[in-house]
N, C-alpha and C. Protein backbone atom coordinates (compact mmCIF):
# COMPACT_ATOMS: atom_id res chain seq x y z
N UNK A 1 -18.47 28.44 -33.03
CA UNK A 1 -17.84 27.15 -33.27
C UNK A 1 -16.44 27.15 -32.65
N UNK A 2 -16.25 26.29 -31.69
CA UNK A 2 -14.94 26.19 -31.05
C UNK A 2 -14.30 24.86 -31.41
N UNK A 3 -13.00 24.92 -31.62
CA UNK A 3 -12.31 23.67 -31.93
C UNK A 3 -12.23 22.81 -30.66
N UNK A 4 -12.07 21.54 -30.87
CA UNK A 4 -12.01 20.60 -29.75
C UNK A 4 -10.81 20.90 -28.86
N UNK A 5 -9.69 21.30 -29.46
CA UNK A 5 -8.48 21.59 -28.69
C UNK A 5 -8.72 22.74 -27.72
N UNK A 6 -9.44 23.77 -28.16
CA UNK A 6 -9.74 24.92 -27.28
C UNK A 6 -10.61 24.47 -26.12
N UNK A 7 -11.59 23.61 -26.40
CA UNK A 7 -12.47 23.11 -25.35
C UNK A 7 -11.69 22.25 -24.34
N UNK A 8 -10.72 21.49 -24.83
CA UNK A 8 -9.89 20.69 -23.92
C UNK A 8 -9.11 21.62 -22.99
N UNK A 9 -8.54 22.68 -23.55
CA UNK A 9 -7.80 23.65 -22.73
C UNK A 9 -8.71 24.30 -21.69
N UNK A 10 -9.94 24.65 -22.09
CA UNK A 10 -10.89 25.24 -21.15
C UNK A 10 -11.24 24.25 -20.04
N UNK A 11 -11.42 22.99 -20.40
CA UNK A 11 -11.73 21.96 -19.41
C UNK A 11 -10.57 21.77 -18.45
N UNK A 12 -9.34 21.82 -18.95
CA UNK A 12 -8.17 21.65 -18.09
C UNK A 12 -8.06 22.81 -17.11
N UNK A 13 -8.38 24.02 -17.54
CA UNK A 13 -8.38 25.18 -16.64
C UNK A 13 -9.45 24.98 -15.56
N UNK A 14 -10.63 24.54 -15.98
CA UNK A 14 -11.71 24.24 -15.03
C UNK A 14 -11.27 23.18 -14.03
N UNK A 15 -10.64 22.11 -14.52
CA UNK A 15 -10.18 21.02 -13.65
C UNK A 15 -9.12 21.53 -12.67
N UNK A 16 -8.26 22.41 -13.16
CA UNK A 16 -7.21 22.98 -12.30
C UNK A 16 -7.83 23.78 -11.17
N UNK A 17 -8.93 24.49 -11.47
CA UNK A 17 -9.60 25.29 -10.44
C UNK A 17 -10.25 24.42 -9.37
N UNK A 18 -10.48 23.14 -9.68
CA UNK A 18 -11.07 22.21 -8.72
C UNK A 18 -10.01 21.59 -7.82
N UNK A 19 -8.74 22.00 -7.99
CA UNK A 19 -7.63 21.53 -7.15
C UNK A 19 -7.38 20.03 -7.28
N UNK A 20 -7.48 19.51 -8.49
CA UNK A 20 -7.23 18.09 -8.73
C UNK A 20 -5.73 17.83 -8.70
N UNK A 21 -5.36 16.60 -8.43
CA UNK A 21 -3.94 16.25 -8.37
C UNK A 21 -3.32 16.31 -9.76
N UNK A 22 -2.01 16.42 -9.79
CA UNK A 22 -1.28 16.51 -11.06
C UNK A 22 -1.51 15.25 -11.90
N UNK A 23 -1.50 14.08 -11.25
CA UNK A 23 -1.71 12.82 -11.97
C UNK A 23 -3.10 12.76 -12.59
N UNK A 24 -4.11 13.21 -11.84
CA UNK A 24 -5.48 13.22 -12.36
C UNK A 24 -5.57 14.14 -13.56
N UNK A 25 -4.96 15.31 -13.45
CA UNK A 25 -4.98 16.28 -14.55
C UNK A 25 -4.30 15.70 -15.80
N UNK A 26 -3.16 15.04 -15.59
CA UNK A 26 -2.45 14.45 -16.73
C UNK A 26 -3.28 13.35 -17.37
N UNK A 27 -3.97 12.57 -16.55
CA UNK A 27 -4.81 11.49 -17.06
C UNK A 27 -5.97 12.06 -17.87
N UNK A 28 -6.64 13.09 -17.34
CA UNK A 28 -7.73 13.73 -18.06
C UNK A 28 -7.25 14.26 -19.41
N UNK A 29 -6.13 14.98 -19.38
CA UNK A 29 -5.62 15.58 -20.60
C UNK A 29 -5.27 14.52 -21.64
N UNK A 30 -4.61 13.46 -21.21
CA UNK A 30 -4.23 12.39 -22.14
C UNK A 30 -5.47 11.73 -22.74
N UNK A 31 -6.46 11.45 -21.91
CA UNK A 31 -7.69 10.82 -22.39
C UNK A 31 -8.41 11.72 -23.39
N UNK A 32 -8.50 13.01 -23.08
CA UNK A 32 -9.18 13.94 -23.98
C UNK A 32 -8.41 14.12 -25.29
N UNK A 33 -7.09 14.11 -25.22
CA UNK A 33 -6.30 14.24 -26.45
C UNK A 33 -6.44 13.00 -27.32
N UNK A 34 -6.52 11.82 -26.71
CA UNK A 34 -6.76 10.60 -27.48
C UNK A 34 -8.12 10.67 -28.17
N UNK A 35 -9.12 11.18 -27.45
CA UNK A 35 -10.45 11.33 -28.02
C UNK A 35 -10.42 12.35 -29.17
N UNK A 36 -9.70 13.45 -28.97
CA UNK A 36 -9.56 14.47 -30.02
C UNK A 36 -8.89 13.88 -31.26
N UNK A 37 -7.83 13.12 -31.05
CA UNK A 37 -7.12 12.47 -32.16
C UNK A 37 -8.05 11.52 -32.91
N UNK A 38 -8.84 10.76 -32.17
CA UNK A 38 -9.81 9.85 -32.78
C UNK A 38 -10.80 10.63 -33.64
N UNK A 39 -11.34 11.73 -33.09
CA UNK A 39 -12.32 12.52 -33.84
C UNK A 39 -11.72 13.09 -35.12
N UNK A 40 -10.47 13.54 -35.05
CA UNK A 40 -9.83 14.11 -36.24
C UNK A 40 -9.51 13.04 -37.28
N UNK A 41 -8.94 11.92 -36.84
CA UNK A 41 -8.49 10.90 -37.78
C UNK A 41 -9.60 10.00 -38.29
N UNK A 42 -10.51 9.62 -37.41
CA UNK A 42 -11.55 8.66 -37.79
C UNK A 42 -12.84 9.33 -38.27
N UNK A 43 -13.16 10.49 -37.71
CA UNK A 43 -14.44 11.14 -38.02
C UNK A 43 -14.28 12.46 -38.78
N UNK A 44 -13.04 12.94 -38.91
CA UNK A 44 -12.75 14.23 -39.55
C UNK A 44 -13.55 15.36 -38.91
N UNK A 45 -13.65 15.34 -37.58
CA UNK A 45 -14.38 16.37 -36.84
C UNK A 45 -13.40 17.28 -36.11
N UNK A 46 -13.61 18.58 -36.24
CA UNK A 46 -12.80 19.56 -35.50
C UNK A 46 -13.67 20.47 -34.66
N UNK A 47 -14.98 20.49 -34.92
CA UNK A 47 -15.91 21.38 -34.24
C UNK A 47 -16.63 20.61 -33.13
N UNK A 48 -16.57 21.14 -31.92
CA UNK A 48 -17.20 20.49 -30.77
C UNK A 48 -18.70 20.35 -30.97
N UNK A 49 -19.33 21.33 -31.56
CA UNK A 49 -20.78 21.32 -31.74
C UNK A 49 -21.26 20.18 -32.62
N UNK A 50 -20.37 19.63 -33.43
CA UNK A 50 -20.76 18.56 -34.36
C UNK A 50 -20.57 17.16 -33.77
N UNK A 51 -20.00 17.08 -32.56
CA UNK A 51 -19.80 15.78 -31.91
C UNK A 51 -21.14 15.30 -31.38
N UNK A 52 -21.51 14.07 -31.71
CA UNK A 52 -22.79 13.51 -31.28
C UNK A 52 -22.59 12.41 -30.24
N UNK A 53 -23.69 12.01 -29.64
CA UNK A 53 -23.63 10.90 -28.69
C UNK A 53 -23.14 9.65 -29.39
N UNK A 54 -23.53 9.48 -30.64
CA UNK A 54 -23.10 8.31 -31.43
C UNK A 54 -21.58 8.30 -31.56
N UNK A 55 -20.98 9.48 -31.81
CA UNK A 55 -19.52 9.59 -31.91
C UNK A 55 -18.84 9.15 -30.61
N UNK A 56 -19.41 9.58 -29.49
CA UNK A 56 -18.83 9.24 -28.18
C UNK A 56 -18.93 7.75 -27.93
N UNK A 57 -20.09 7.18 -28.21
CA UNK A 57 -20.29 5.73 -27.99
C UNK A 57 -19.39 4.92 -28.93
N UNK A 58 -19.22 5.35 -30.18
CA UNK A 58 -18.33 4.66 -31.11
C UNK A 58 -16.89 4.74 -30.63
N UNK A 59 -16.50 5.86 -30.01
CA UNK A 59 -15.15 6.00 -29.47
C UNK A 59 -14.93 5.02 -28.31
N UNK A 60 -15.94 4.89 -27.46
CA UNK A 60 -15.83 3.95 -26.34
C UNK A 60 -15.64 2.54 -26.86
N UNK A 61 -16.40 2.16 -27.88
CA UNK A 61 -16.26 0.83 -28.50
C UNK A 61 -14.88 0.69 -29.14
N UNK A 62 -14.43 1.74 -29.83
CA UNK A 62 -13.13 1.74 -30.49
C UNK A 62 -11.99 1.52 -29.49
N UNK A 63 -12.04 2.24 -28.37
CA UNK A 63 -10.97 2.10 -27.36
C UNK A 63 -11.01 0.73 -26.71
N UNK A 64 -12.21 0.22 -26.48
CA UNK A 64 -12.32 -1.11 -25.88
C UNK A 64 -11.75 -2.17 -26.82
N UNK A 65 -12.09 -2.07 -28.11
CA UNK A 65 -11.64 -3.06 -29.10
C UNK A 65 -10.15 -2.94 -29.41
N UNK A 66 -9.61 -1.72 -29.33
CA UNK A 66 -8.19 -1.55 -29.65
C UNK A 66 -7.29 -1.89 -28.47
N UNK A 67 -7.87 -2.15 -27.31
CA UNK A 67 -7.09 -2.61 -26.16
C UNK A 67 -6.41 -1.51 -25.39
N UNK A 68 -6.81 -0.24 -25.57
CA UNK A 68 -6.16 0.84 -24.84
C UNK A 68 -6.68 0.95 -23.41
N UNK A 69 -7.86 0.43 -23.17
CA UNK A 69 -8.45 0.50 -21.84
C UNK A 69 -8.91 -0.88 -21.42
N UNK A 70 -9.03 -1.08 -20.12
CA UNK A 70 -9.48 -2.38 -19.62
C UNK A 70 -11.00 -2.48 -19.71
N UNK A 71 -11.47 -3.70 -19.74
CA UNK A 71 -12.90 -3.96 -19.79
C UNK A 71 -13.34 -4.42 -18.41
N UNK A 72 -14.53 -4.00 -18.00
CA UNK A 72 -15.04 -4.38 -16.69
C UNK A 72 -15.39 -5.86 -16.70
N UNK A 73 -14.79 -6.61 -15.78
CA UNK A 73 -15.05 -8.05 -15.71
C UNK A 73 -15.67 -8.45 -14.39
N UNK A 74 -15.72 -7.53 -13.44
CA UNK A 74 -16.29 -7.81 -12.13
C UNK A 74 -17.80 -7.98 -12.28
N UNK A 75 -18.32 -9.13 -11.85
CA UNK A 75 -19.75 -9.44 -12.05
C UNK A 75 -20.65 -8.41 -11.38
N UNK A 76 -20.28 -7.93 -10.20
CA UNK A 76 -21.09 -6.96 -9.48
C UNK A 76 -21.20 -5.66 -10.28
N UNK A 77 -20.09 -5.21 -10.85
CA UNK A 77 -20.08 -4.00 -11.66
C UNK A 77 -20.89 -4.19 -12.93
N UNK A 78 -20.73 -5.34 -13.58
CA UNK A 78 -21.49 -5.61 -14.80
C UNK A 78 -22.99 -5.63 -14.51
N UNK A 79 -23.38 -6.19 -13.37
CA UNK A 79 -24.80 -6.24 -13.00
C UNK A 79 -25.34 -4.84 -12.76
N UNK A 80 -24.53 -3.97 -12.15
CA UNK A 80 -24.96 -2.60 -11.86
C UNK A 80 -24.98 -1.72 -13.10
N UNK A 81 -24.31 -2.13 -14.16
CA UNK A 81 -24.23 -1.31 -15.38
C UNK A 81 -25.27 -1.71 -16.42
N UNK A 82 -26.40 -2.21 -15.99
CA UNK A 82 -27.48 -2.53 -16.91
C UNK A 82 -28.49 -1.40 -16.89
N UNK A 83 -29.25 -1.22 -17.96
CA UNK A 83 -30.24 -0.13 -17.97
C UNK A 83 -31.23 -0.23 -16.81
N UNK A 84 -31.62 -1.45 -16.43
CA UNK A 84 -32.60 -1.62 -15.37
C UNK A 84 -32.07 -1.14 -14.01
N UNK A 85 -30.77 -1.11 -13.83
CA UNK A 85 -30.18 -0.69 -12.56
C UNK A 85 -30.18 0.83 -12.39
N UNK A 86 -30.44 1.55 -13.45
CA UNK A 86 -30.44 3.02 -13.39
C UNK A 86 -31.68 3.54 -12.68
N UNK A 87 -31.55 4.63 -11.94
CA UNK A 87 -32.69 5.24 -11.25
C UNK A 87 -33.70 5.84 -12.23
N UNK A 88 -33.20 6.29 -13.38
CA UNK A 88 -34.07 6.96 -14.35
C UNK A 88 -34.54 6.02 -15.47
N UNK A 89 -34.41 4.70 -15.25
CA UNK A 89 -34.83 3.74 -16.27
C UNK A 89 -36.34 3.83 -16.45
N UNK A 90 -36.77 3.94 -17.69
CA UNK A 90 -38.19 4.03 -18.01
C UNK A 90 -38.72 5.44 -18.02
N UNK A 91 -37.90 6.43 -17.63
CA UNK A 91 -38.32 7.82 -17.64
C UNK A 91 -38.33 8.32 -19.07
N UNK A 92 -39.33 9.14 -19.39
CA UNK A 92 -39.42 9.68 -20.75
C UNK A 92 -38.22 10.58 -21.03
N UNK A 93 -37.71 10.44 -22.24
CA UNK A 93 -36.59 11.26 -22.68
C UNK A 93 -37.15 12.39 -23.52
N UNK A 94 -36.57 13.57 -23.39
CA UNK A 94 -37.03 14.74 -24.13
C UNK A 94 -36.94 14.50 -25.64
N UNK A 95 -37.96 14.92 -26.36
CA UNK A 95 -37.97 14.79 -27.81
C UNK A 95 -37.18 15.91 -28.48
N UNK A 96 -36.90 16.96 -27.71
CA UNK A 96 -36.15 18.10 -28.24
C UNK A 96 -34.67 17.77 -28.17
N UNK A 97 -33.95 17.87 -29.31
CA UNK A 97 -32.51 17.55 -29.28
C UNK A 97 -31.73 18.56 -28.44
N UNK A 98 -30.81 18.05 -27.65
CA UNK A 98 -29.95 18.87 -26.82
C UNK A 98 -28.51 18.55 -27.20
N UNK A 99 -27.66 19.56 -27.28
CA UNK A 99 -26.28 19.35 -27.71
C UNK A 99 -25.40 18.64 -26.69
N UNK A 100 -25.81 18.64 -25.43
CA UNK A 100 -24.97 18.03 -24.40
C UNK A 100 -25.26 16.54 -24.29
N UNK A 101 -24.63 15.75 -25.14
CA UNK A 101 -24.88 14.32 -25.18
C UNK A 101 -24.24 13.60 -23.99
N UNK A 102 -23.24 14.21 -23.40
CA UNK A 102 -22.54 13.54 -22.30
C UNK A 102 -23.33 13.55 -21.00
N UNK A 103 -24.38 14.35 -20.90
CA UNK A 103 -25.13 14.42 -19.64
C UNK A 103 -25.83 13.11 -19.33
N UNK A 104 -26.09 12.29 -20.34
CA UNK A 104 -26.77 11.01 -20.13
C UNK A 104 -25.80 9.87 -19.86
N UNK A 105 -24.50 10.14 -19.90
CA UNK A 105 -23.50 9.10 -19.67
C UNK A 105 -23.00 9.24 -18.24
N UNK A 106 -23.25 8.22 -17.43
CA UNK A 106 -22.86 8.26 -16.01
C UNK A 106 -21.36 8.05 -15.87
N UNK A 107 -20.79 8.74 -14.88
CA UNK A 107 -19.38 8.54 -14.58
C UNK A 107 -19.22 7.28 -13.76
N UNK A 108 -18.16 6.54 -14.01
CA UNK A 108 -17.88 5.32 -13.27
C UNK A 108 -17.13 5.68 -12.00
N UNK A 109 -17.64 5.24 -10.86
CA UNK A 109 -16.98 5.51 -9.58
C UNK A 109 -16.14 4.30 -9.21
N UNK A 110 -14.89 4.56 -8.87
CA UNK A 110 -14.00 3.46 -8.50
C UNK A 110 -14.08 3.24 -6.99
N UNK A 111 -14.00 1.98 -6.60
CA UNK A 111 -14.01 1.63 -5.18
C UNK A 111 -12.63 1.87 -4.59
N UNK A 112 -12.59 2.51 -3.45
CA UNK A 112 -11.31 2.74 -2.79
C UNK A 112 -11.14 1.71 -1.68
N UNK A 113 -9.96 1.12 -1.63
CA UNK A 113 -9.66 0.14 -0.59
C UNK A 113 -9.16 0.89 0.65
N UNK A 114 -9.62 0.49 1.83
CA UNK A 114 -9.12 1.15 3.04
C UNK A 114 -7.63 0.86 3.24
N UNK A 115 -6.92 1.87 3.73
CA UNK A 115 -5.48 1.71 3.95
C UNK A 115 -5.23 0.91 5.22
N UNK A 116 -4.20 0.08 5.16
CA UNK A 116 -3.82 -0.71 6.33
C UNK A 116 -2.84 0.12 7.17
N UNK A 117 -3.03 0.11 8.47
CA UNK A 117 -2.14 0.84 9.36
C UNK A 117 -1.17 -0.12 10.03
N UNK A 118 0.00 0.41 10.39
CA UNK A 118 0.97 -0.44 11.08
C UNK A 118 0.87 -0.17 12.59
N UNK A 119 1.23 -1.16 13.36
CA UNK A 119 1.18 -1.03 14.82
C UNK A 119 2.43 -0.29 15.31
N UNK A 120 2.40 0.13 16.56
CA UNK A 120 3.56 0.80 17.16
C UNK A 120 4.77 -0.13 17.17
N UNK A 121 4.52 -1.41 17.39
CA UNK A 121 5.62 -2.38 17.41
C UNK A 121 6.26 -2.50 16.02
N UNK A 122 5.42 -2.55 14.99
CA UNK A 122 5.94 -2.64 13.63
C UNK A 122 6.73 -1.38 13.27
N UNK A 123 6.24 -0.22 13.72
CA UNK A 123 6.93 1.04 13.46
C UNK A 123 8.30 1.05 14.15
N UNK A 124 8.35 0.62 15.40
CA UNK A 124 9.62 0.56 16.14
C UNK A 124 10.58 -0.40 15.46
N UNK A 125 10.06 -1.54 15.01
CA UNK A 125 10.88 -2.54 14.31
C UNK A 125 11.47 -1.94 13.03
N UNK A 126 10.66 -1.20 12.30
CA UNK A 126 11.12 -0.55 11.06
C UNK A 126 12.27 0.41 11.36
N UNK A 127 12.10 1.24 12.37
CA UNK A 127 13.13 2.22 12.71
C UNK A 127 14.41 1.55 13.21
N UNK A 128 14.29 0.43 13.92
CA UNK A 128 15.47 -0.29 14.40
C UNK A 128 16.30 -0.85 13.25
N UNK A 129 15.68 -1.16 12.14
CA UNK A 129 16.39 -1.76 11.01
C UNK A 129 17.07 -0.73 10.10
N UNK A 130 16.92 0.55 10.40
CA UNK A 130 17.58 1.58 9.60
C UNK A 130 18.94 1.87 10.22
N UNK A 131 20.00 1.73 9.41
CA UNK A 131 21.38 1.95 9.86
C UNK A 131 21.69 3.44 9.76
N UNK A 132 21.63 4.15 10.89
CA UNK A 132 21.80 5.60 10.88
C UNK A 132 23.26 6.05 10.85
N UNK A 133 24.18 5.13 10.57
CA UNK A 133 25.59 5.51 10.43
C UNK A 133 25.89 5.96 9.01
N UNK A 134 24.97 5.73 8.10
CA UNK A 134 25.15 6.13 6.70
C UNK A 134 24.21 7.29 6.39
N UNK A 135 24.69 8.23 5.55
CA UNK A 135 23.90 9.43 5.26
C UNK A 135 22.54 9.10 4.66
N UNK A 136 22.52 8.24 3.63
CA UNK A 136 21.24 7.96 2.96
C UNK A 136 20.26 7.24 3.89
N UNK A 137 20.78 6.50 4.86
CA UNK A 137 19.91 5.82 5.82
C UNK A 137 19.35 6.83 6.83
N UNK A 138 20.15 7.85 7.20
CA UNK A 138 19.65 8.91 8.08
C UNK A 138 18.53 9.66 7.37
N UNK A 139 18.74 9.94 6.08
CA UNK A 139 17.71 10.60 5.28
C UNK A 139 16.43 9.76 5.28
N UNK A 140 16.55 8.47 5.06
CA UNK A 140 15.39 7.57 5.06
C UNK A 140 14.71 7.56 6.43
N UNK A 141 15.52 7.55 7.50
CA UNK A 141 14.99 7.56 8.87
C UNK A 141 14.14 8.82 9.10
N UNK A 142 14.68 9.97 8.68
CA UNK A 142 13.96 11.24 8.85
C UNK A 142 12.68 11.24 8.02
N UNK A 143 12.75 10.74 6.79
CA UNK A 143 11.56 10.68 5.93
C UNK A 143 10.48 9.79 6.53
N UNK A 144 10.86 8.63 7.03
CA UNK A 144 9.89 7.71 7.63
C UNK A 144 9.24 8.36 8.85
N UNK A 145 10.06 8.98 9.70
CA UNK A 145 9.53 9.66 10.88
C UNK A 145 8.56 10.77 10.47
N UNK A 146 8.96 11.55 9.48
CA UNK A 146 8.15 12.67 9.01
C UNK A 146 6.83 12.18 8.42
N UNK A 147 6.88 11.14 7.61
CA UNK A 147 5.66 10.60 7.00
C UNK A 147 4.68 10.10 8.06
N UNK A 148 5.18 9.35 9.01
CA UNK A 148 4.29 8.75 10.00
C UNK A 148 3.85 9.75 11.08
N UNK A 149 4.69 10.72 11.41
CA UNK A 149 4.32 11.69 12.44
C UNK A 149 3.39 12.78 11.91
N UNK A 150 3.57 13.16 10.64
CA UNK A 150 2.80 14.29 10.11
C UNK A 150 1.58 13.87 9.30
N UNK A 151 1.61 12.67 8.73
CA UNK A 151 0.50 12.22 7.89
C UNK A 151 0.58 12.73 6.47
N UNK A 152 1.69 13.37 6.11
CA UNK A 152 1.83 13.86 4.73
C UNK A 152 2.07 12.68 3.79
N UNK A 153 1.82 12.92 2.52
CA UNK A 153 2.02 11.86 1.53
C UNK A 153 3.49 11.80 1.12
N UNK A 154 3.87 10.72 0.49
CA UNK A 154 5.26 10.55 0.04
C UNK A 154 5.63 11.64 -0.95
N UNK A 155 4.72 11.95 -1.88
CA UNK A 155 5.02 12.98 -2.88
C UNK A 155 5.22 14.34 -2.22
N UNK A 156 4.43 14.65 -1.17
CA UNK A 156 4.61 15.91 -0.45
C UNK A 156 5.97 15.93 0.25
N UNK A 157 6.36 14.81 0.84
CA UNK A 157 7.65 14.70 1.53
C UNK A 157 8.80 14.91 0.55
N UNK A 158 8.68 14.30 -0.64
CA UNK A 158 9.76 14.40 -1.63
C UNK A 158 9.87 15.80 -2.24
N UNK A 159 8.80 16.59 -2.15
CA UNK A 159 8.79 17.94 -2.70
C UNK A 159 9.37 18.98 -1.74
N UNK A 160 9.70 18.59 -0.51
CA UNK A 160 10.21 19.54 0.49
C UNK A 160 11.60 20.02 0.07
N UNK A 161 11.78 21.33 0.07
CA UNK A 161 13.06 21.97 -0.25
C UNK A 161 13.59 22.63 1.02
N UNK A 162 14.87 22.99 1.02
CA UNK A 162 15.50 23.62 2.18
C UNK A 162 14.76 24.90 2.56
N UNK A 163 14.32 25.68 1.58
CA UNK A 163 13.64 26.94 1.86
C UNK A 163 12.25 26.73 2.50
N UNK A 164 11.72 25.49 2.48
CA UNK A 164 10.44 25.18 3.11
C UNK A 164 10.58 24.87 4.60
N UNK A 165 11.80 24.80 5.10
CA UNK A 165 12.04 24.40 6.49
C UNK A 165 12.49 25.61 7.32
N UNK A 166 11.77 25.85 8.44
CA UNK A 166 12.14 26.90 9.39
C UNK A 166 12.56 26.19 10.68
N UNK A 167 13.88 25.99 10.84
CA UNK A 167 14.41 25.23 11.97
C UNK A 167 14.12 25.94 13.29
N UNK A 168 14.22 27.29 13.32
CA UNK A 168 13.99 28.05 14.55
C UNK A 168 12.58 27.86 15.09
N UNK A 169 11.59 27.83 14.21
CA UNK A 169 10.19 27.68 14.63
C UNK A 169 9.76 26.22 14.67
N UNK A 170 10.56 25.34 14.08
CA UNK A 170 10.18 23.93 14.01
C UNK A 170 9.03 23.69 13.05
N UNK A 171 9.04 24.45 11.94
CA UNK A 171 7.94 24.38 10.97
C UNK A 171 8.46 23.93 9.61
N UNK A 172 7.69 23.06 8.97
CA UNK A 172 7.97 22.65 7.59
C UNK A 172 6.76 23.05 6.76
N UNK A 173 6.97 23.88 5.75
CA UNK A 173 5.89 24.29 4.86
C UNK A 173 5.70 23.19 3.82
N UNK A 174 4.49 22.63 3.76
CA UNK A 174 4.18 21.55 2.83
C UNK A 174 3.25 22.08 1.76
N UNK A 175 3.66 21.94 0.51
CA UNK A 175 2.82 22.35 -0.61
C UNK A 175 2.02 21.13 -1.04
N UNK A 176 0.77 21.05 -0.62
CA UNK A 176 -0.08 19.89 -0.92
C UNK A 176 -0.66 19.97 -2.31
N UNK A 177 -1.60 19.06 -2.55
CA UNK A 177 -2.24 18.97 -3.87
C UNK A 177 -2.99 20.21 -4.19
């Protein structure tokens, strides 16, 4: 019998080994802690083995009703989230109880919007509008050049320290996600 908190810690270690971003990790941890709090306060459950599919579904309803999460309103998504839309709809379900209730709950995949690129003219225009007579504007100029020339993310650029720069070799060590 393992407490829910220990299982959350084990899951976070597993997630860390998958090289997930810091924001994703924080989101997972916060969501799991809210679920843990719900189980303790509303269901008086501390043992992971005693959590049922019913508990998970009641938590989903609880969070939706309490307004902590948004509700899907996109008609296309709602249409796809019907039992008939599932590939395994109508398949016989095992009569033998299995403790892993979450295996039957599909993960929601979010649609990613393609990024818009700027033209060379727009880039030149941007650089022309930076006043390089001021220190903070020179810093901004270098950051913009670095971001667009290297393809690194803003967070990676902001994490660069003096010890990450080798001026003699022309190398910047970037610590990515």
